[in-house]
Amino acid sequence: MKDTLHSLDASQKDLILERVITRSPGVMFDVLSFLEVPLRPDPEPAGLHWCVCGNCREMNTDLERKCWRQRPQNCISKMAYMDFYILDEGVLRLARAAWNDIFALADNAEPGMEQRQFRHAAYRQFVLWQHGRLGVGNRVVIPSCCVCRIRDTFPDPRGQYTGFRVTRLA
């Protein structure tokens, strides 16, 4: 396989990479992780020493203070795939309908609940997109920049957010 790869010219490699990324967009983040990322970036204006991308915000817990660790132009929260897979209301409506169908649930029709339901569906979509199915009880922290982008798109009217929970309450 290495011999075949080394025999390709740059334009052939570019074409193959484009096709692979079209089929599996998450591969792009693997590619970006191989690029040099500064270990001690210039501090973000808010002084977040843990943020490399410059798009993160302060979070309530140390566990939630997670950055994607890419340069600002490569931040996952600003990529088009984030808009298509995570923030698109049509995609989220379909994801919620599938979730509700699988678990025999109904959407809560109370006023103000739609934003919350979109927000939670967006969190699930992000995890599915980046990590695949995790299984019962397995949870991951979503990078702050992505959490903030989701919260900005689907805000809570009172500005109250639960944040990451290590385990679900019974």
N, C-alpha and C. Protein backbone atom coordinates (compact mmCIF):
# COMPACT_ATOMS: atom_id res chain seq x y z
N MET A 1 0.83 -1.18 0.00
CA MET A 1 0.00 0.00 0.00
C MET A 1 0.88 1.26 0.00
N LYS A 2 1.96 1.24 0.81
CA LYS A 2 2.85 2.39 0.84
C LYS A 2 3.47 2.65 -0.53
N ASP A 3 3.84 1.58 -1.24
CA ASP A 3 4.44 1.75 -2.58
C ASP A 3 3.45 2.42 -3.53
N THR A 4 2.21 1.99 -3.46
CA THR A 4 1.17 2.60 -4.31
C THR A 4 1.01 4.07 -3.96
N LEU A 5 0.96 4.37 -2.68
CA LEU A 5 0.79 5.75 -2.24
C LEU A 5 1.96 6.62 -2.69
N HIS A 6 3.16 6.11 -2.57
CA HIS A 6 4.36 6.88 -2.97
C HIS A 6 4.45 7.05 -4.48
N SER A 7 3.80 6.19 -5.24
CA SER A 7 3.86 6.29 -6.70
C SER A 7 2.90 7.35 -7.25
N LEU A 8 1.98 7.82 -6.43
CA LEU A 8 1.01 8.82 -6.88
C LEU A 8 1.63 10.22 -6.90
N ASP A 9 1.19 11.04 -7.86
CA ASP A 9 1.65 12.43 -7.85
C ASP A 9 0.74 13.25 -6.94
N ALA A 10 1.11 14.50 -6.70
CA ALA A 10 0.39 15.35 -5.74
C ALA A 10 -1.08 15.54 -6.12
N SER A 11 -1.38 15.72 -7.41
CA SER A 11 -2.78 15.95 -7.81
C SER A 11 -3.62 14.69 -7.59
N GLN A 12 -3.04 13.50 -7.80
CA GLN A 12 -3.77 12.27 -7.54
C GLN A 12 -4.04 12.11 -6.04
N LYS A 13 -3.06 12.45 -5.22
CA LYS A 13 -3.24 12.37 -3.76
C LYS A 13 -4.31 13.35 -3.31
N ASP A 14 -4.30 14.56 -3.89
CA ASP A 14 -5.31 15.56 -3.55
C ASP A 14 -6.71 15.05 -3.89
N LEU A 15 -6.85 14.46 -5.07
CA LEU A 15 -8.15 13.94 -5.51
C LEU A 15 -8.63 12.83 -4.58
N ILE A 16 -7.73 11.92 -4.23
CA ILE A 16 -8.10 10.82 -3.33
C ILE A 16 -8.51 11.37 -1.97
N LEU A 17 -7.73 12.33 -1.45
CA LEU A 17 -8.06 12.92 -0.15
C LEU A 17 -9.42 13.60 -0.18
N GLU A 18 -9.71 14.34 -1.25
CA GLU A 18 -11.02 14.99 -1.38
C GLU A 18 -12.16 13.96 -1.36
N ARG A 19 -11.98 12.85 -2.07
CA ARG A 19 -13.02 11.82 -2.11
C ARG A 19 -13.20 11.16 -0.75
N VAL A 20 -12.10 10.87 -0.07
CA VAL A 20 -12.18 10.25 1.25
C VAL A 20 -12.89 11.18 2.23
N ILE A 21 -12.55 12.47 2.18
CA ILE A 21 -13.16 13.44 3.09
C ILE A 21 -14.64 13.63 2.77
N THR A 22 -15.01 13.54 1.50
CA THR A 22 -16.41 13.65 1.13
C THR A 22 -17.19 12.48 1.72
N ARG A 23 -16.62 11.29 1.70
CA ARG A 23 -17.28 10.10 2.25
C ARG A 23 -17.26 10.08 3.77
N SER A 24 -16.15 10.51 4.36
CA SER A 24 -15.98 10.49 5.82
C SER A 24 -15.36 11.81 6.27
N PRO A 25 -16.18 12.85 6.45
CA PRO A 25 -15.65 14.17 6.79
C PRO A 25 -14.81 14.20 8.06
N GLY A 26 -15.08 13.33 9.00
CA GLY A 26 -14.30 13.31 10.24
C GLY A 26 -12.84 13.01 10.02
N VAL A 27 -12.49 12.39 8.89
CA VAL A 27 -11.10 12.07 8.58
C VAL A 27 -10.28 13.36 8.47
N MET A 28 -10.92 14.45 8.07
CA MET A 28 -10.19 15.72 7.93
C MET A 28 -9.58 16.14 9.25
N PHE A 29 -10.24 15.85 10.34
CA PHE A 29 -9.71 16.24 11.63
C PHE A 29 -8.50 15.39 12.00
N ASP A 30 -8.48 14.15 11.54
CA ASP A 30 -7.28 13.33 11.72
C ASP A 30 -6.13 13.92 10.92
N VAL A 31 -6.42 14.34 9.70
CA VAL A 31 -5.39 14.94 8.85
C VAL A 31 -4.86 16.21 9.51
N LEU A 32 -5.77 17.05 10.00
CA LEU A 32 -5.35 18.30 10.63
C LEU A 32 -4.53 18.05 11.89
N SER A 33 -4.82 16.95 12.57
CA SER A 33 -4.07 16.67 13.80
C SER A 33 -2.61 16.33 13.51
N PHE A 34 -2.31 15.92 12.28
CA PHE A 34 -0.93 15.63 11.92
C PHE A 34 -0.13 16.89 11.62
N LEU A 35 -0.85 17.99 11.37
CA LEU A 35 -0.18 19.26 11.11
C LEU A 35 0.37 19.82 12.42
N GLU A 36 1.37 20.63 12.31
CA GLU A 36 1.99 21.19 13.52
C GLU A 36 1.02 22.13 14.22
N VAL A 37 0.80 21.90 15.49
CA VAL A 37 -0.03 22.76 16.32
C VAL A 37 0.85 23.30 17.43
N PRO A 38 0.87 24.61 17.64
CA PRO A 38 1.73 25.15 18.69
C PRO A 38 1.32 24.63 20.06
N LEU A 39 2.30 24.27 20.87
CA LEU A 39 2.01 23.78 22.21
C LEU A 39 1.58 24.90 23.14
N ARG A 40 2.18 26.05 23.02
CA ARG A 40 1.82 27.21 23.83
C ARG A 40 1.39 28.32 22.88
N PRO A 41 0.11 28.34 22.48
CA PRO A 41 -0.35 29.37 21.56
C PRO A 41 -0.41 30.74 22.23
N ASP A 42 -0.54 31.75 21.38
CA ASP A 42 -0.77 33.07 21.94
C ASP A 42 -2.08 33.01 22.70
N PRO A 43 -2.14 33.60 23.88
CA PRO A 43 -3.37 33.50 24.66
C PRO A 43 -4.54 34.15 23.94
N GLU A 44 -5.68 33.56 24.09
CA GLU A 44 -6.92 34.08 23.53
C GLU A 44 -7.24 35.37 24.27
N PRO A 45 -7.94 36.33 23.61
CA PRO A 45 -8.22 37.61 24.26
C PRO A 45 -8.81 37.48 25.66
N ALA A 46 -9.64 36.47 25.90
CA ALA A 46 -10.23 36.31 27.23
C ALA A 46 -9.24 35.68 28.20
N GLY A 47 -8.05 35.32 27.72
CA GLY A 47 -7.02 34.75 28.59
C GLY A 47 -7.23 33.28 28.91
N LEU A 48 -7.81 32.54 28.00
CA LEU A 48 -8.04 31.11 28.24
C LEU A 48 -6.78 30.35 27.86
N HIS A 49 -6.00 30.00 28.86
CA HIS A 49 -4.72 29.34 28.60
C HIS A 49 -4.88 27.95 27.98
N TRP A 50 -6.04 27.35 28.09
CA TRP A 50 -6.28 26.00 27.58
C TRP A 50 -6.81 25.99 26.15
N CYS A 51 -7.08 27.17 25.57
CA CYS A 51 -7.67 27.26 24.23
C CYS A 51 -6.60 27.58 23.18
N VAL A 52 -6.60 26.82 22.09
CA VAL A 52 -5.70 27.05 20.97
C VAL A 52 -6.43 27.74 19.82
N CYS A 53 -7.71 27.38 19.61
CA CYS A 53 -8.45 27.86 18.45
C CYS A 53 -8.92 29.31 18.56
N GLY A 54 -9.03 29.83 19.77
CA GLY A 54 -9.49 31.20 19.96
C GLY A 54 -11.00 31.34 19.93
N ASN A 55 -11.73 30.23 19.81
CA ASN A 55 -13.19 30.28 19.75
C ASN A 55 -13.86 29.75 21.01
N CYS A 56 -13.06 29.26 21.94
CA CYS A 56 -13.62 28.71 23.18
C CYS A 56 -14.00 29.84 24.14
N ARG A 57 -14.86 29.50 25.07
CA ARG A 57 -15.23 30.42 26.14
C ARG A 57 -15.03 29.71 27.47
N GLU A 58 -15.02 30.49 28.52
CA GLU A 58 -14.88 29.91 29.86
C GLU A 58 -16.07 28.98 30.12
N MET A 59 -15.78 27.84 30.71
CA MET A 59 -16.81 26.86 31.04
C MET A 59 -16.85 26.70 32.56
N ASN A 60 -17.93 26.08 33.05
CA ASN A 60 -18.14 25.97 34.50
C ASN A 60 -17.18 25.03 35.20
N THR A 61 -16.73 23.97 34.53
CA THR A 61 -15.87 22.99 35.19
C THR A 61 -14.59 22.78 34.39
N ASP A 62 -13.56 22.29 35.06
CA ASP A 62 -12.30 21.98 34.38
C ASP A 62 -12.51 20.94 33.30
N LEU A 63 -13.36 19.99 33.55
CA LEU A 63 -13.64 18.93 32.59
C LEU A 63 -14.19 19.49 31.28
N GLU A 64 -14.98 20.55 31.37
CA GLU A 64 -15.59 21.15 30.18
C GLU A 64 -14.65 22.13 29.47
N ARG A 65 -13.54 22.44 30.06
CA ARG A 65 -12.57 23.36 29.45
C ARG A 65 -11.70 22.58 28.47
N LYS A 66 -12.34 22.22 27.37
CA LYS A 66 -11.68 21.39 26.36
C LYS A 66 -11.70 22.14 25.03
N CYS A 67 -10.55 22.19 24.38
CA CYS A 67 -10.42 22.84 23.08
C CYS A 67 -10.14 21.76 22.04
N TRP A 68 -10.52 22.01 20.81
CA TRP A 68 -10.25 21.08 19.72
C TRP A 68 -8.77 21.06 19.38
N ARG A 69 -8.02 22.07 19.81
CA ARG A 69 -6.57 22.16 19.68
C ARG A 69 -6.10 22.29 18.24
N GLN A 70 -6.82 23.11 17.47
CA GLN A 70 -6.40 23.42 16.11
C GLN A 70 -6.28 24.93 15.97
N ARG A 71 -5.54 25.35 14.97
CA ARG A 71 -5.43 26.78 14.70
C ARG A 71 -6.82 27.34 14.39
N PRO A 72 -7.02 28.65 14.58
CA PRO A 72 -8.35 29.24 14.36
C PRO A 72 -8.97 28.89 13.01
N GLN A 73 -8.19 28.89 11.94
CA GLN A 73 -8.75 28.60 10.61
C GLN A 73 -9.16 27.14 10.46
N ASN A 74 -8.71 26.26 11.34
CA ASN A 74 -9.07 24.85 11.28
C ASN A 74 -10.00 24.42 12.41
N CYS A 75 -10.53 25.37 13.15
CA CYS A 75 -11.40 25.03 14.28
C CYS A 75 -12.66 24.33 13.77
N ILE A 76 -12.96 23.22 14.39
CA ILE A 76 -14.12 22.42 13.99
C ILE A 76 -15.42 23.20 14.10
N SER A 77 -15.50 24.12 15.05
CA SER A 77 -16.75 24.86 15.26
C SER A 77 -17.06 25.82 14.13
N LYS A 78 -16.07 26.14 13.30
CA LYS A 78 -16.27 27.08 12.20
C LYS A 78 -16.35 26.40 10.84
N MET A 79 -16.22 25.07 10.81
CA MET A 79 -16.23 24.35 9.54
C MET A 79 -17.65 24.18 9.03
N ALA A 80 -17.78 24.09 7.70
CA ALA A 80 -19.10 23.95 7.07
C ALA A 80 -19.82 22.70 7.54
N TYR A 81 -19.09 21.63 7.83
CA TYR A 81 -19.74 20.40 8.28
C TYR A 81 -20.48 20.62 9.59
N MET A 82 -19.99 21.50 10.42
CA MET A 82 -20.68 21.82 11.67
C MET A 82 -22.06 22.40 11.36
N ASP A 83 -22.11 23.28 10.36
CA ASP A 83 -23.39 23.87 9.96
C ASP A 83 -24.32 22.81 9.37
N PHE A 84 -23.78 21.93 8.52
CA PHE A 84 -24.61 20.94 7.83
C PHE A 84 -25.10 19.83 8.75
N TYR A 85 -24.22 19.27 9.57
CA TYR A 85 -24.56 18.10 10.36
C TYR A 85 -25.10 18.42 11.75
N ILE A 86 -24.68 19.54 12.32
CA ILE A 86 -24.97 19.81 13.73
C ILE A 86 -25.97 20.94 13.93
N LEU A 87 -25.91 21.97 13.12
CA LEU A 87 -26.71 23.16 13.39
C LEU A 87 -27.92 23.33 12.46
N ASP A 88 -28.07 22.50 11.47
CA ASP A 88 -29.18 22.62 10.53
C ASP A 88 -30.47 22.11 11.19
N GLU A 89 -31.48 22.96 11.24
CA GLU A 89 -32.74 22.59 11.92
C GLU A 89 -33.42 21.40 11.27
N GLY A 90 -33.35 21.30 9.95
CA GLY A 90 -33.96 20.15 9.26
C GLY A 90 -33.30 18.84 9.66
N VAL A 91 -31.98 18.83 9.71
CA VAL A 91 -31.24 17.64 10.13
C VAL A 91 -31.59 17.30 11.57
N LEU A 92 -31.66 18.32 12.41
CA LEU A 92 -31.97 18.08 13.83
C LEU A 92 -33.40 17.59 14.03
N ARG A 93 -34.35 18.11 13.23
CA ARG A 93 -35.73 17.62 13.33
C ARG A 93 -35.78 16.13 12.98
N LEU A 94 -35.06 15.76 11.94
CA LEU A 94 -35.02 14.35 11.53
C LEU A 94 -34.34 13.50 12.61
N ALA A 95 -33.25 13.99 13.17
CA ALA A 95 -32.55 13.26 14.23
C ALA A 95 -33.44 13.10 15.45
N ARG A 96 -34.16 14.15 15.81
CA ARG A 96 -35.08 14.06 16.96
C ARG A 96 -36.20 13.07 16.68
N ALA A 97 -36.73 13.10 15.46
CA ALA A 97 -37.81 12.17 15.11
C ALA A 97 -37.32 10.73 15.19
N ALA A 98 -36.12 10.48 14.70
CA ALA A 98 -35.55 9.12 14.77
C ALA A 98 -35.33 8.71 16.22
N TRP A 99 -34.77 9.61 17.02
CA TRP A 99 -34.52 9.34 18.45
C TRP A 99 -35.84 9.03 19.17
N ASN A 100 -36.84 9.87 18.92
CA ASN A 100 -38.15 9.68 19.56
C ASN A 100 -38.80 8.36 19.11
N ASP A 101 -38.62 8.02 17.85
CA ASP A 101 -39.19 6.77 17.33
C ASP A 101 -38.52 5.56 17.97
N ILE A 102 -37.20 5.60 18.07
CA ILE A 102 -36.45 4.48 18.66
C ILE A 102 -36.82 4.29 20.13
N PHE A 103 -36.93 5.38 20.86
CA PHE A 103 -37.17 5.29 22.30
C PHE A 103 -38.64 5.51 22.69
N ALA A 104 -39.53 5.56 21.69
CA ALA A 104 -40.97 5.75 21.92
C ALA A 104 -41.24 6.97 22.80
N LEU A 105 -40.63 8.09 22.42
CA LEU A 105 -40.79 9.34 23.16
C LEU A 105 -41.60 10.32 22.33
N ALA A 106 -42.06 11.37 22.97
CA ALA A 106 -42.74 12.46 22.28
C ALA A 106 -42.02 13.76 22.64
N ASP A 107 -41.93 14.67 21.68
CA ASP A 107 -41.33 15.97 21.97
C ASP A 107 -42.19 16.72 22.96
N ASN A 108 -41.54 17.45 23.85
CA ASN A 108 -42.23 18.28 24.82
C ASN A 108 -42.70 19.54 24.09
N ALA A 109 -44.00 19.81 24.12
CA ALA A 109 -44.56 20.93 23.37
C ALA A 109 -44.65 22.21 24.18
N GLU A 110 -44.05 22.25 25.37
CA GLU A 110 -44.11 23.46 26.19
C GLU A 110 -43.40 24.62 25.48
N PRO A 111 -43.87 25.85 25.72
CA PRO A 111 -43.20 27.00 25.12
C PRO A 111 -41.72 27.06 25.56
N GLY A 112 -40.85 27.34 24.61
CA GLY A 112 -39.43 27.47 24.91
C GLY A 112 -38.67 26.16 24.89
N MET A 113 -39.36 25.04 24.76
CA MET A 113 -38.69 23.74 24.80
C MET A 113 -38.01 23.38 23.47
N GLU A 114 -38.48 23.97 22.38
CA GLU A 114 -37.91 23.60 21.08
C GLU A 114 -36.42 23.92 21.00
N GLN A 115 -36.02 25.08 21.52
CA GLN A 115 -34.59 25.43 21.51
C GLN A 115 -33.78 24.41 22.31
N ARG A 116 -34.30 24.01 23.46
CA ARG A 116 -33.61 23.02 24.30
C ARG A 116 -33.51 21.69 23.57
N GLN A 117 -34.58 21.28 22.91
CA GLN A 117 -34.57 20.02 22.17
C GLN A 117 -33.60 20.07 21.00
N PHE A 118 -33.57 21.20 20.30
CA PHE A 118 -32.58 21.36 19.21
C PHE A 118 -31.16 21.30 19.78
N ARG A 119 -30.94 21.95 20.89
CA ARG A 119 -29.60 21.99 21.51
C ARG A 119 -29.15 20.57 21.89
N HIS A 120 -30.01 19.83 22.52
CA HIS A 120 -29.65 18.46 22.93
C HIS A 120 -29.47 17.55 21.73
N ALA A 121 -30.30 17.73 20.70
CA ALA A 121 -30.13 16.94 19.47
C ALA A 121 -28.79 17.29 18.81
N ALA A 122 -28.42 18.57 18.85
CA ALA A 122 -27.14 18.99 18.26
C ALA A 122 -25.97 18.37 19.01
N TYR A 123 -26.05 18.31 20.33
CA TYR A 123 -24.99 17.65 21.11
C TYR A 123 -24.88 16.18 20.70
N ARG A 124 -26.02 15.49 20.58
CA ARG A 124 -26.00 14.08 20.18
C ARG A 124 -25.43 13.92 18.78
N GLN A 125 -25.83 14.81 17.87
CA GLN A 125 -25.32 14.75 16.49
C GLN A 125 -23.80 14.93 16.47
N PHE A 126 -23.29 15.88 17.26
CA PHE A 126 -21.85 16.11 17.29
C PHE A 126 -21.12 14.86 17.76
N VAL A 127 -21.59 14.26 18.83
CA VAL A 127 -20.94 13.06 19.37
C VAL A 127 -20.99 11.93 18.35
N LEU A 128 -22.13 11.75 17.71
CA LEU A 128 -22.26 10.71 16.70
C LEU A 128 -21.31 10.97 15.53
N TRP A 129 -21.24 12.21 15.10
CA TRP A 129 -20.38 12.60 13.98
C TRP A 129 -18.91 12.37 14.30
N GLN A 130 -18.47 12.75 15.47
CA GLN A 130 -17.06 12.69 15.81
C GLN A 130 -16.61 11.39 16.46
N HIS A 131 -17.51 10.71 17.16
CA HIS A 131 -17.11 9.53 17.94
C HIS A 131 -17.88 8.28 17.56
N GLY A 132 -18.94 8.41 16.78
CA GLY A 132 -19.78 7.25 16.49
C GLY A 132 -20.65 6.92 17.69
N ARG A 133 -21.30 5.79 17.62
CA ARG A 133 -22.17 5.38 18.72
C ARG A 133 -21.30 5.01 19.91
N LEU A 134 -21.60 5.58 21.06
CA LEU A 134 -20.80 5.34 22.26
C LEU A 134 -21.35 4.21 23.10
N GLY A 135 -22.64 3.99 23.07
CA GLY A 135 -23.23 2.96 23.91
C GLY A 135 -23.71 3.54 25.23
N VAL A 136 -24.49 2.76 25.94
CA VAL A 136 -25.11 3.19 27.19
C VAL A 136 -24.04 3.53 28.22
N GLY A 137 -24.18 4.70 28.83
CA GLY A 137 -23.30 5.11 29.92
C GLY A 137 -21.97 5.68 29.49
N ASN A 138 -21.61 5.58 28.23
CA ASN A 138 -20.35 6.15 27.75
C ASN A 138 -20.60 7.58 27.28
N ARG A 139 -19.81 8.50 27.79
CA ARG A 139 -20.03 9.90 27.49
C ARG A 139 -18.69 10.56 27.17
N VAL A 140 -18.73 11.61 26.37
CA VAL A 140 -17.53 12.37 26.03
C VAL A 140 -17.82 13.85 26.20
N VAL A 141 -16.79 14.61 26.46
CA VAL A 141 -16.91 16.06 26.57
C VAL A 141 -16.79 16.66 25.18
N ILE A 142 -17.72 17.52 24.84
CA ILE A 142 -17.69 18.23 23.56
C ILE A 142 -16.82 19.47 23.75
N PRO A 143 -15.95 19.78 22.78
CA PRO A 143 -15.10 20.97 22.93
C PRO A 143 -15.92 22.24 23.17
N SER A 144 -15.37 23.12 23.99
CA SER A 144 -16.04 24.35 24.38
C SER A 144 -16.49 25.18 23.17
N CYS A 145 -15.63 25.26 22.15
CA CYS A 145 -15.97 26.06 20.97
C CYS A 145 -17.25 25.54 20.29
N CYS A 146 -17.42 24.22 20.28
CA CYS A 146 -18.61 23.61 19.67
C CYS A 146 -19.83 23.77 20.57
N VAL A 147 -19.65 23.58 21.86
CA VAL A 147 -20.75 23.78 22.81
C VAL A 147 -21.26 25.22 22.69
N CYS A 148 -20.35 26.17 22.64
CA CYS A 148 -20.76 27.59 22.55
C CYS A 148 -21.45 27.89 21.23
N ARG A 149 -20.98 27.30 20.15
CA ARG A 149 -21.62 27.51 18.85
C ARG A 149 -23.05 26.95 18.87
N ILE A 150 -23.23 25.78 19.48
CA ILE A 150 -24.57 25.19 19.60
C ILE A 150 -25.45 26.06 20.49
N ARG A 151 -24.90 26.51 21.63
CA ARG A 151 -25.69 27.36 22.54
C ARG A 151 -26.03 28.69 21.89
N ASP A 152 -25.14 29.25 21.08
CA ASP A 152 -25.43 30.51 20.39
C ASP A 152 -26.54 30.32 19.35
N THR A 153 -26.57 29.15 18.72
CA THR A 153 -27.57 28.89 17.69
C THR A 153 -28.93 28.55 18.29
N PHE A 154 -28.91 27.84 19.42
CA PHE A 154 -30.14 27.42 20.10
C PHE A 154 -30.07 27.84 21.56
N PRO A 155 -30.19 29.14 21.83
CA PRO A 155 -29.98 29.63 23.20
C PRO A 155 -31.15 29.31 24.14
N ASP A 156 -30.81 29.18 25.40
CA ASP A 156 -31.82 29.07 26.45
C ASP A 156 -32.30 30.49 26.74
N PRO A 157 -33.61 30.73 26.79
CA PRO A 157 -34.09 32.10 27.02
C PRO A 157 -33.59 32.71 28.33
N ARG A 158 -33.32 31.88 29.33
CA ARG A 158 -32.82 32.38 30.62
C ARG A 158 -31.30 32.26 30.74
N GLY A 159 -30.67 31.74 29.71
CA GLY A 159 -29.21 31.58 29.75
C GLY A 159 -28.73 30.52 30.73
N GLN A 160 -29.60 29.56 31.06
CA GLN A 160 -29.24 28.52 32.01
C GLN A 160 -28.98 27.22 31.26
N TYR A 161 -27.78 26.68 31.44
CA TYR A 161 -27.38 25.46 30.77
C TYR A 161 -26.90 24.45 31.80
N THR A 162 -27.17 23.18 31.52
CA THR A 162 -26.82 22.11 32.46
C THR A 162 -25.33 21.86 32.49
N GLY A 163 -24.68 21.85 31.35
CA GLY A 163 -23.27 21.51 31.29
C GLY A 163 -23.10 19.99 31.22
N PHE A 164 -21.86 19.56 31.18
CA PHE A 164 -21.56 18.14 31.05
C PHE A 164 -21.80 17.42 32.37
N ARG A 165 -22.47 16.29 32.29
CA ARG A 165 -22.67 15.43 33.46
C ARG A 165 -21.90 14.14 33.21
N VAL A 166 -21.11 13.75 34.20
CA VAL A 166 -20.31 12.54 34.06
C VAL A 166 -21.21 11.33 33.88
N THR A 167 -22.27 11.23 34.66
CA THR A 167 -23.24 10.14 34.52
C THR A 167 -24.63 10.73 34.59
N ARG A 168 -25.56 10.00 34.01
CA ARG A 168 -26.95 10.42 34.08
C ARG A 168 -27.51 10.14 35.46
N LEU A 169 -28.42 10.99 35.88
CA LEU A 169 -29.10 10.75 37.15
C LEU A 169 -30.22 9.76 36.91
N ALA A 170 -30.42 8.84 37.83
CA ALA A 170 -31.47 7.83 37.65
C ALA A 170 -32.84 8.42 37.91
